[in-house]
Protein backbone atom coordinates (compact mmCIF):
# COMPACT_ATOMS: atom_id res chain seq x y z
CA MET A 1 96.65 102.04 114.42
CA ASN A 2 97.47 103.74 111.12
CA LEU A 3 95.32 102.21 108.39
CA LEU A 4 95.65 102.12 104.63
CA LYS A 5 92.68 102.63 102.32
CA TYR A 6 91.68 99.66 100.19
CA SER A 7 91.57 99.94 96.41
CA PHE A 8 90.23 96.65 95.03
CA TYR A 9 87.95 93.77 96.01
CA SER A 10 89.29 90.23 95.93
CA VAL A 11 90.30 87.50 98.34
CA VAL A 12 93.05 85.02 97.55
CA LEU A 13 92.84 81.68 99.37
CA SER A 14 95.87 79.51 98.69
CA SER A 15 95.83 79.14 94.91
CA CYS A 16 92.11 79.93 94.56
CA MET A 17 90.56 83.29 93.82
CA ILE A 18 87.26 84.25 95.43
CA THR A 19 85.87 87.53 94.14
CA PHE A 20 83.86 89.88 96.31
CA GLY A 21 81.67 92.68 95.02
CA LEU A 22 81.32 95.99 96.81
CA ASN A 23 81.16 94.86 100.44
CA THR A 24 79.24 91.69 99.50
CA VAL A 25 80.17 88.02 99.50
CA SER A 26 78.76 85.32 97.26
CA ALA A 27 76.05 83.39 99.08
CA LYS A 28 77.92 80.17 98.29
CA THR A 29 80.89 81.28 100.40
CA ILE A 30 78.95 82.50 103.46
CA PRO A 31 78.35 79.85 106.14
CA SER A 32 74.73 79.86 107.27
CA VAL A 33 75.81 80.27 110.91
CA ILE A 34 76.73 83.86 110.11
CA TYR A 35 73.12 84.83 109.45
CA THR A 36 71.06 82.05 111.07
CA ASP A 37 70.43 81.43 114.78
CA PRO A 38 70.82 77.78 115.82
CA VAL A 39 67.77 75.65 116.51
CA VAL A 40 67.65 74.87 120.23
CA THR A 41 66.82 71.19 120.61
CA ASP A 42 67.69 70.74 124.30
CA ARG A 43 67.14 73.57 126.79
CA ASN A 44 69.56 71.85 129.17
CA TYR A 45 72.43 72.56 126.79
CA THR A 46 71.89 76.05 125.44
CA ALA A 47 74.66 78.47 124.50
CA ASN A 48 75.75 80.60 127.45
CA ASP A 49 78.48 82.89 128.72
CA GLN A 50 80.70 82.17 131.70
CA VAL A 51 82.91 84.79 133.33
CA VAL A 52 86.29 83.29 134.19
CA HIS A 53 89.32 84.57 136.08
CA ILE A 54 92.50 82.98 134.80
CA PRO A 55 95.62 82.78 136.99
CA THR A 56 98.81 84.18 135.49
CA GLN A 57 101.90 85.45 137.28
CA ASN A 58 100.26 85.84 140.71
CA VAL A 59 97.16 87.66 139.43
CA LYS A 60 93.92 86.57 137.76
CA ILE A 61 93.03 88.13 134.43
CA ASN A 62 89.47 88.64 133.21
CA GLY A 63 87.99 86.33 130.61
CA LEU A 64 84.66 85.53 129.00
CA PHE A 65 84.00 81.95 127.95
CA MET A 66 81.33 81.87 125.26
CA LEU A 67 80.10 78.28 125.43
CA ALA A 68 78.44 76.55 122.48
CA ALA A 69 75.05 74.87 122.57
CA GLY A 70 74.70 71.12 122.59
CA LYS A 71 75.67 68.19 124.76
CA GLY A 72 79.17 66.76 124.63
CA LEU A 73 82.63 68.14 123.93
CA HIS A 74 83.16 71.12 121.65
CA PRO A 75 86.13 72.44 119.71
CA THR A 76 87.44 75.57 121.38
CA MET A 77 88.96 78.78 120.05
CA VAL A 78 90.98 81.23 122.15
CA LEU A 79 90.51 84.66 120.56
CA LEU A 80 93.12 87.32 121.35
CA HIS A 81 92.67 91.04 120.81
CA GLY A 82 95.28 93.56 119.76
CA VAL A 83 96.74 96.63 121.39
CA PRO A 84 94.97 98.25 123.08
CA GLY A 85 92.01 96.06 122.04
CA ASN A 86 89.25 98.47 121.07
CA GLU A 87 88.23 95.93 118.41
CA LYS A 88 87.62 92.64 120.19
CA ASN A 89 85.98 90.84 117.23
CA LEU A 90 83.05 89.63 119.29
CA ASP A 91 80.91 89.35 116.15
CA LEU A 92 83.42 86.77 114.94
CA ALA A 93 83.28 85.03 118.32
CA GLN A 94 79.49 84.78 118.17
CA ALA A 95 79.56 83.37 114.64
CA VAL A 96 82.18 80.79 115.57
CA ARG A 97 80.08 79.80 118.59
CA ARG A 98 77.00 79.35 116.39
CA ASN A 99 79.17 76.98 114.38
CA GLY A 100 79.51 74.74 117.45
CA TRP A 101 82.72 76.10 118.97
CA ASN A 102 83.43 77.41 122.43
CA VAL A 103 85.24 80.77 122.26
CA LEU A 104 87.35 82.13 125.10
CA THR A 105 88.25 85.82 125.06
CA PHE A 106 90.35 87.53 127.70
CA ASN A 107 92.15 90.75 128.56
CA TYR A 108 95.89 90.73 129.11
CA ARG A 109 97.37 91.85 132.39
CA GLY A 110 97.07 95.59 132.74
CA SER A 111 94.42 95.96 130.04
CA TRP A 112 90.70 96.61 130.22
CA GLY A 113 90.44 96.05 133.96
CA SER A 114 92.63 92.97 134.29
CA PRO A 115 95.02 93.46 137.23
CA GLY A 116 98.77 93.81 136.82
CA ASN A 117 101.07 95.74 134.51
CA PHE A 118 100.83 95.58 130.75
CA SER A 119 103.83 94.41 128.74
CA PHE A 120 104.33 92.64 125.43
CA ALA A 121 106.36 89.82 126.95
CA GLY A 122 103.65 89.53 129.59
CA ASN A 123 101.02 89.08 126.88
CA ILE A 124 102.74 85.90 125.73
CA GLU A 125 102.93 84.69 129.33
CA ASP A 126 99.20 85.38 129.68
CA ALA A 127 98.40 83.44 126.51
CA LYS A 128 100.35 80.47 127.82
CA ALA A 129 98.44 80.71 131.11
CA VAL A 130 95.13 80.72 129.23
CA LEU A 131 96.21 77.62 127.33
CA SER A 132 97.07 75.90 130.61
CA PHE A 133 93.63 76.88 131.88
CA ILE A 134 91.77 75.21 129.03
CA GLN A 135 94.12 72.23 128.96
CA ASN A 136 93.39 71.52 132.63
CA PRO A 137 91.30 68.30 132.75
CA GLU A 138 88.91 69.75 135.33
CA ASN A 139 88.24 72.80 133.17
CA GLN A 140 87.88 70.67 130.06
CA LYS A 141 85.16 68.70 131.80
CA LYS A 142 83.52 71.82 133.24
CA PHE A 143 83.42 73.72 129.93
CA ASN A 144 82.99 70.73 127.57
CA ILE A 145 86.31 71.31 125.79
CA ASN A 146 87.56 68.88 123.17
CA GLU A 147 91.28 68.74 123.91
CA LYS A 148 91.98 67.58 120.35
CA GLN A 149 90.46 70.70 118.80
CA ILE A 150 92.00 73.80 120.39
CA VAL A 151 92.72 76.72 118.06
CA LEU A 152 94.48 80.00 118.80
CA ALA A 153 93.27 83.06 116.86
CA GLY A 154 94.52 86.62 117.12
CA HIS A 155 93.99 90.02 115.54
CA SER A 156 96.75 92.61 115.18
CA MET A 157 99.12 92.28 118.16
CA GLY A 158 97.04 89.26 119.15
CA GLY A 159 98.17 87.58 115.92
CA TRP A 160 101.77 88.09 117.00
CA VAL A 161 100.97 86.67 120.44
CA VAL A 162 99.37 83.50 119.04
CA ALA A 163 102.28 82.89 116.67
CA MET A 164 104.88 83.31 119.42
CA THR A 165 102.82 81.17 121.79
CA ALA A 166 101.81 78.33 119.47
CA ALA A 167 105.42 77.91 118.29
CA GLN A 168 106.31 76.81 121.83
CA GLU A 169 103.24 74.70 122.56
CA LYS A 170 102.10 71.22 121.60
CA ASN A 171 98.58 69.97 120.97
CA ILE A 172 97.41 73.08 119.10
CA ALA A 173 95.04 72.04 116.32
CA GLY A 174 95.44 75.26 114.36
CA VAL A 175 96.40 78.94 114.37
CA VAL A 176 94.52 81.88 112.84
CA MET A 177 96.24 85.25 112.43
CA PHE A 178 94.55 88.25 110.88
CA SER A 179 96.47 91.46 110.25
CA ALA A 180 99.11 90.31 112.71
CA ALA A 181 101.26 93.15 114.03
CA ASN A 182 104.85 91.95 114.28
CA MET A 183 106.01 93.64 117.47
CA GLY A 184 109.60 93.18 116.34
CA GLY A 185 108.95 94.56 112.87
CA ASN A 186 109.59 97.88 111.17
CA ALA A 187 105.88 98.69 110.94
CA VAL A 188 105.95 99.11 114.73
CA ILE A 189 109.53 100.15 115.49
CA ALA A 190 110.53 103.40 113.79
CA PRO A 191 114.12 104.59 113.25
CA LYS A 192 113.58 107.30 115.88
CA ARG A 193 112.48 106.40 119.42
CA ALA A 194 110.17 109.42 119.50
CA ASP A 195 108.21 108.05 116.55
CA THR A 196 107.87 104.65 118.20
CA VAL A 197 106.66 106.35 121.38
CA ALA A 198 104.12 108.29 119.31
CA TRP A 199 102.89 105.05 117.72
CA MET A 200 102.43 103.51 121.15
CA ALA A 201 100.65 106.64 122.40
CA ASP A 202 98.04 106.08 119.67
CA ASN A 203 97.51 102.55 121.02
CA PHE A 204 97.64 103.24 124.74
CA GLU A 205 94.00 103.44 125.83
CA THR A 206 93.13 101.49 129.05
CA LEU A 207 96.64 100.05 129.41
CA ASN A 208 98.42 100.10 132.77
CA THR A 209 101.79 101.25 131.45
CA THR A 210 103.21 104.22 129.54
CA PRO A 211 103.93 104.74 125.83
CA GLU A 212 107.59 105.19 126.74
CA LYS A 213 107.75 101.79 128.47
CA MET A 214 105.96 100.16 125.55
CA ALA A 215 108.34 101.71 123.01
CA ASP A 216 111.46 100.84 124.97
CA GLU A 217 110.36 97.24 125.38
CA VAL A 218 109.94 96.62 121.66
CA ILE A 219 113.12 98.53 120.78
CA GLN A 220 115.21 96.58 123.28
CA ASN A 221 113.71 93.27 122.18
CA GLN A 222 113.38 93.85 118.45
CA GLN A 223 115.23 90.70 117.42
CA LYS A 224 113.61 88.56 120.12
CA PHE A 225 110.13 89.84 119.29
CA ASP A 226 110.45 89.24 115.54
CA MET A 227 107.45 87.09 114.59
CA ASN A 228 109.50 85.21 112.01
CA ASN A 229 111.36 83.50 114.86
CA ALA A 230 108.19 81.49 115.44
CA ALA A 231 108.23 79.94 111.96
CA PRO A 232 110.21 76.76 112.78
CA GLY A 233 107.86 75.95 115.65
CA LEU A 234 104.82 76.26 113.38
CA LYS A 235 105.97 74.05 110.51
CA ASN A 236 103.59 71.25 111.53
CA THR A 237 100.65 73.42 112.63
CA PRO A 238 97.70 74.18 110.31
CA LEU A 239 97.92 77.94 109.80
CA LEU A 240 95.58 80.57 108.37
CA VAL A 241 97.22 83.95 107.73
CA ILE A 242 94.86 86.75 106.69
CA TYR A 243 96.20 90.14 105.70
CA SER A 244 94.53 93.41 104.73
CA ASN A 245 95.58 96.69 103.10
CA ASP A 246 97.37 97.97 106.18
CA SER A 247 100.94 98.67 107.24
CA PHE A 248 101.43 95.06 108.38
CA ALA A 249 100.56 93.40 105.05
CA LYS A 250 104.12 92.93 103.80
CA GLY A 251 105.24 91.56 107.14
CA ASP A 252 102.37 89.07 107.22
CA GLN A 253 103.14 87.87 103.70
CA LYS A 254 106.80 87.49 104.60
CA PHE A 255 105.88 85.51 107.70
CA ALA A 256 103.67 83.14 105.71
CA GLN A 257 106.46 82.60 103.19
CA THR A 258 108.94 81.93 106.01
CA VAL A 259 106.65 79.31 107.56
CA LYS A 260 106.13 77.74 104.13
CA GLU A 261 109.89 77.53 103.63
CA GLU A 262 110.12 75.69 106.96
CA GLY A 263 108.01 72.96 105.38
CA ASN A 264 104.44 73.80 106.46
CA LYS A 265 102.12 72.08 103.97
CA ASN A 266 98.88 73.21 105.62
CA LEU A 267 99.12 76.98 105.29
CA SER A 268 96.49 79.24 103.77
CA LEU A 269 97.30 82.85 102.91
CA VAL A 270 94.26 85.09 102.37
CA HIS A 271 94.02 88.72 101.33
CA ILE A 272 90.91 90.68 102.29
CA PRO A 273 91.11 94.16 100.74
CA THR A 274 90.02 96.42 103.54
CA ASN A 275 91.48 98.30 106.49
CA HIS A 276 93.15 96.99 109.63
CA GLY A 277 89.86 96.61 111.49
CA TYR A 278 88.08 94.81 108.62
CA ASN A 279 85.36 97.37 109.22
CA ASP A 280 83.56 96.92 105.90
CA HIS A 281 84.46 93.26 105.37
CA ARG A 282 83.27 91.64 108.60
CA ILE A 283 81.25 89.00 106.72
CA ALA A 284 84.26 88.17 104.54
CA LEU A 285 86.45 87.82 107.65
CA GLN A 286 83.97 85.54 109.42
CA SER A 287 83.36 83.45 106.31
CA THR A 288 87.07 82.94 105.66
CA ILE A 289 87.77 81.82 109.22
CA ILE A 290 84.72 79.58 109.67
CA ASN A 291 85.22 77.85 106.31
CA TRP A 292 88.84 77.20 107.28
CA LEU A 293 87.85 75.85 110.70
CA ASP A 294 85.36 73.47 109.07
CA GLN A 295 88.13 71.66 107.17
CA LEU A 296 90.56 71.53 110.10
CA PRO A 297 91.64 67.98 110.99
CA ILE A 298 91.27 66.67 114.55
CA LEU A 299 94.53 65.92 116.32
CA LYS A 300 95.30 62.25 116.86
C-alpha cells in the first residue's frame, strides 16, 4: 500500500503522552515478554503451534494456532492480516503468546493457499467462522481457550474486518485495530474506477481474484463497507485504535471519534509515527498492544 514518511517521534495514548527517541522506547514502557523468553516450569505444558483448518462457506481455510505455555485456560487473540497480507505481524503474535495468550492467525478464503475465492465480504464471513471455531466448547477445551477473554486484532484491511465483525458479535472482550484500512473509505476508493483498480493491483499478490473484481466490489458497496457503520455496535467494547503516518490516519481518527460519540468509555487512541507497516517501530507497536491487553477486564 502507499505509505507516508514519518516526521516526528511521539505516541499519544488517550490523554497521556509517551515520547519515543529515534526508534527506541523507554525501558519502563517495554513489557519484558518482548525481549525475554519465558521460563519453562512444566514440560507437559510448553508453548506450541497447531495447524488448524477452519470451516467457512463449504471450504476449510488455513490457520495457525500459536498456543501459550502453562496449564489451564488462556486468553486468546485472533490476529487478522491485511490485503494481501505480506505483513502478518508474527513478531507481535509471538510476543503476545509469551505474555500468556493463545494467538490464532489464519488466511482468508482465496489468499495464501486457503481454498475458495477472495472477496472483502467473504473476509468478514471468514472472521465470523473463526470466531465460531474458537467459541465451540470442544475447541475451547482442546486449545485451552478462556471464553471470557477473546480479543480480535487486525492490521490494515484486517482492522476493518475486526471492526465490522465485532460490531455484530457478543462476548468479545476487546478489539485492537492498527492502521485499519476502511474498505468503504476514500483512501481506498478513488474518484476514477481505473485508479481504484490500480490500487487493488498493488495489493493483489497471492489472491484468487482479479484487481477489477476487488475494485468493483468496494465501489458497489462503498456505503455498506464504511467502517463507521460499525461504531454503534462497538460502543460497549474495549477498543484500541492505533494509527500511523499513512493514508488511513484521518479515517482511523474519525472512526475513533465516531465510536466515542456513540458512548464508548473504554477507547484508547494511539499514534505511532511511522509507516503503514510499522517497520521501524515494531517494539512500540508490540508494547502498546501488550500494555493495553494487560489492563483489559475479563467479561462477566
